[in-house]
Amino acid sequence: MSYLSRIGRPELIDLLLSLIVLIIAFSIVGERRLGVEAVLISAVGVGTGFLLHELAHKFVAQKYGYRAEYKASWSGLFFMIIMSFMGFIFAAPGAVMISKDTHFSDTSTMITEEQLRIALAGPMTNIILIVFFLMLAMASRKMINPFLLEVAYFAFYINLILAAFNLIPVDPFDGGKIFRGSHLVWAIVAVPTILLALPFFFGFRVI
């Protein structure tokens, strides 16, 4: 069975609608308009940062025999669009719902090794993308390609912010489950990521 065949039609609709709303919201915040360039830049960053993050959770969960399906949060998507016109975004488009015969809830105090790996899958996907887009940004700067640099920088930025945000060690973030599963693993993954993201939270551009 291929990975794509594991995505049902309702889930695919939820993923695509969430992706479209995220692209529009970030385009509005970034440019205050929906120009072609703004949408393309937003699509690459959001498409990798959001979509691959959620699919990583889903496929790793399914690998361990869990039921996993992305569900959009319609209220979260609505408020995200509203907030984008106000100049900021709190992205809460939805989440992968994971369950098994033994209940796996965000408030559980017990995290198995499987569940730790499932929680790590999303942020680690973002971290891999951070490295990739950082290298692409540095290469495009040498090639003096302003548009490619903006695409790579925004994708780097989005993946970094998503990784750091999701690694906050409280529920319902991935970091809460990772921290409960292993303080050491959380420290190794989260601390450098959050420290790297701090200048960007305060508006500094370091690339």
Foldseek 3Di string as FASTA:
>chain_A
DDLVVLADPVLVVLLVVLLVLQLVLQLCLVPVDDDPLSSLLSNLQSVQQPVQLQSQLCVLLVVVPKHKGWDFDVVQSVVQNVVSNVNDGDHDGTHIDIQDPPGDDLPDLDADPSNLSSLVRRLVSLVVLLVVLVVQLVVCVVVVPVSSNSSSQSNNLSSLVSSQVLLPCDPPGSVVSNCSHPVVVSCVRHVVSNVVNVVVVVPDDDD
